[in-house]
C-alpha atoms as a PDB file:
ATOM      1  CA  MET A   1      83.176 133.901  94.813  1.00  0.00           C
ATOM      2  CA  THR A   2      80.053 131.799  94.949  1.00  0.00           C
ATOM      3  CA  ASP A   3      81.473 128.262  94.886  1.00  0.00           C
ATOM      4  CA  PRO A   4      84.916 127.834  96.492  1.00  0.00           C
ATOM      5  CA  LEU A   5      84.980 124.048  95.971  1.00  0.00           C
ATOM      6  CA  LEU A   6      84.376 124.365  92.217  1.00  0.00           C
ATOM      7  CA  TRP A   7      86.967 127.150  92.075  1.00  0.00           C
ATOM      8  CA  ARG A   8      89.638 125.035  93.833  1.00  0.00           C
ATOM      9  CA  MET A   9      88.921 122.001  91.658  1.00  0.00           C
ATOM     10  CA  ALA A  10      89.126 124.098  88.491  1.00  0.00           C
ATOM     11  CA  LEU A  11      92.495 125.493  89.604  1.00  0.00           C
ATOM     12  CA  ASP A  12      93.777 121.963  90.138  1.00  0.00           C
ATOM     13  CA  VAL A  13      92.732 121.001  86.609  1.00  0.00           C
ATOM     14  CA  ILE A  14      94.334 124.120  85.147  1.00  0.00           C
ATOM     15  CA  ASP A  15      97.508 123.344  87.068  1.00  0.00           C
ATOM     16  CA  ALA A  16      97.605 119.849  85.558  1.00  0.00           C
ATOM     17  CA  HIS A  17      96.852 120.959  81.975  1.00  0.00           C
ATOM     18  CA  HIS A  18      99.250 123.535  80.613  1.00  0.00           C
ATOM     19  CA  PRO A  19     101.033 123.933  77.292  1.00  0.00           C
ATOM     20  CA  ASP A  20     104.422 122.469  76.533  1.00  0.00           C
ATOM     21  CA  GLN A  21     106.996 124.282  74.421  1.00  0.00           C
ATOM     22  CA  GLY A  22     105.225 123.173  71.252  1.00  0.00           C
ATOM     23  CA  GLY A  23     101.846 124.599  72.276  1.00  0.00           C
ATOM     24  CA  ARG A  24     100.244 121.265  73.122  1.00  0.00           C
ATOM     25  CA  CYS A  25      98.861 120.103  76.462  1.00  0.00           C
ATOM     26  CA  ASP A  26     101.546 118.213  78.370  1.00  0.00           C
ATOM     27  CA  ASN A  27      99.077 116.127  80.381  1.00  0.00           C
ATOM     28  CA  LEU A  28      99.195 112.469  79.347  1.00  0.00           C
ATOM     29  CA  LEU A  29      95.402 112.152  79.419  1.00  0.00           C
ATOM     30  CA  CYS A  30      95.081 114.751  76.657  1.00  0.00           C
ATOM     31  CA  GLU A  31      97.372 112.881  74.264  1.00  0.00           C
ATOM     32  CA  HIS A  32      99.060 116.159  73.243  1.00  0.00           C
ATOM     33  CA  GLN A  33      95.916 118.000  72.166  1.00  0.00           C
ATOM     34  CA  GLU A  34      96.377 121.548  70.955  1.00  0.00           C
ATOM     35  CA  TRP A  35      96.319 123.873  73.995  1.00  0.00           C
ATOM     36  CA  PRO A  36      93.989 124.950  75.471  1.00  0.00           C
ATOM     37  CA  CYS A  37      92.801 121.367  75.643  1.00  0.00           C
ATOM     38  CA  ASP A  38      89.205 120.417  76.440  1.00  0.00           C
ATOM     39  CA  ALA A  39      90.003 120.011  80.137  1.00  0.00           C
ATOM     40  CA  ALA A  40      91.667 123.442  80.367  1.00  0.00           C
ATOM     41  CA  ARG A  41      88.766 125.131  78.548  1.00  0.00           C
ATOM     42  CA  ASN A  42      86.247 123.450  80.847  1.00  0.00           C
ATOM     43  CA  ALA A  43      88.270 124.419  83.915  1.00  0.00           C
ATOM     44  CA  HIS A  44      88.351 128.059  82.805  1.00  0.00           C
ATOM     45  CA  ARG A  45      84.599 127.892  82.292  1.00  0.00           C
ATOM     46  CA  ALA A  46      84.238 126.423  85.804  1.00  0.00           C
ATOM     47  CA  LEU A  47      86.256 129.312  87.240  1.00  0.00           C
ATOM     48  CA  THR A  48      83.819 131.715  85.655  1.00  0.00           C
ATOM     49  CA  MET A  49      80.843 129.747  86.962  1.00  0.00           C
ATOM     50  CA  ALA A  50      82.394 129.698  90.434  1.00  0.00           C
ATOM     51  CA  GLY A  51      82.417 133.487  90.407  1.00  0.00           C
ATOM     52  CA  ASP A  52      86.065 134.150  89.509  1.00  0.00           C
ATOM     53  CA  THR A  53      86.052 137.225  87.299  1.00  0.00           C
ATOM     54  CA  THR A  54      89.842 137.698  87.245  1.00  0.00           C
ATOM     55  CA  THR A  55      90.666 134.924  84.784  1.00  0.00           C
ATOM     56  CA  GLY A  56      89.785 134.147  81.211  1.00  0.00           C
ATOM     57  CA  VAL A  57      90.854 131.556  78.676  1.00  0.00           C
ATOM     58  CA  GLY A  58      93.739 133.735  77.502  1.00  0.00           C
ATOM     59  CA  ASP A  59      94.994 134.624  80.988  1.00  0.00           C
ATOM     60  CA  ASP A  60      98.023 133.066  82.582  1.00  0.00           C
ATOM     61  CA  ARG A  61      96.929 130.411  85.060  1.00  0.00           C
ATOM     62  CA  ARG A  62      99.115 132.039  87.707  1.00  0.00           C
ATOM     63  CA  ALA A  63      96.705 134.985  87.855  1.00  0.00           C
ATOM     64  CA  ALA A  64      94.056 132.699  89.310  1.00  0.00           C
ATOM     65  CA  ARG A  65      96.346 131.880  92.219  1.00  0.00           C
ATOM     66  CA  GLU A  66      96.462 135.507  93.307  1.00  0.00           C
ATOM     67  CA  GLN A  67      93.090 135.141  94.981  1.00  0.00           C
ATOM     68  CA  PRO A  68      93.181 136.082  98.666  1.00  0.00           C
ATOM     69  CA  GLY A  69      93.382 133.138 101.023  1.00  0.00           C
ATOM     70  CA  ARG A  70      94.786 130.753  98.407  1.00  0.00           C
ATOM     71  CA  PRO A  71      98.474 129.924  98.869  1.00  0.00           C
ATOM     72  CA  ALA A  72     100.556 129.767  95.700  1.00  0.00           C
ATOM     73  CA  ARG A  73     101.219 126.253  94.414  1.00  0.00           C
ATOM     74  CA  ARG A  74     103.819 124.974  92.029  1.00  0.00           C
ATOM     75  CA  SER A  75     103.033 122.430  89.383  1.00  0.00           C
ATOM     76  CA  ARG A  76     104.581 118.986  89.574  1.00  0.00           C
ATOM     77  CA  ALA A  77     106.413 119.642  86.328  1.00  0.00           C
ATOM     78  CA  ALA A  78     108.027 122.765  87.816  1.00  0.00           C
ATOM     79  CA  GLU A  79     109.003 120.900  90.950  1.00  0.00           C
ATOM     80  CA  ALA A  80     110.608 118.108  88.898  1.00  0.00           C
ATOM     81  CA  ALA A  81     112.691 120.587  86.872  1.00  0.00           C
END
C-alpha cells in the first residue's frame, strides 16, 4: 500500500455508499442513483490508486476490510438494523 490515508478515506466512502434492495445507492447525498454511484466508483478508483490490489468495482466492499491492521467496521445502517 502506498497511501494509507487515501485508502482509509476511500473505505469510509465505500462504507457510506452501498446499494439498497432495489440496486440504488442508499446514501441521501446520491439521491438514489443507480449503484455503483459516482462516489462509490471514485472510492474504488482511489483504492486502486492507494495501492490496494485486492478490490475492484465488482468486489464486495467487505473484502477491502480484510487488509491486515485494519479492524472490521460495521456500517451505520447495519448497526441501526
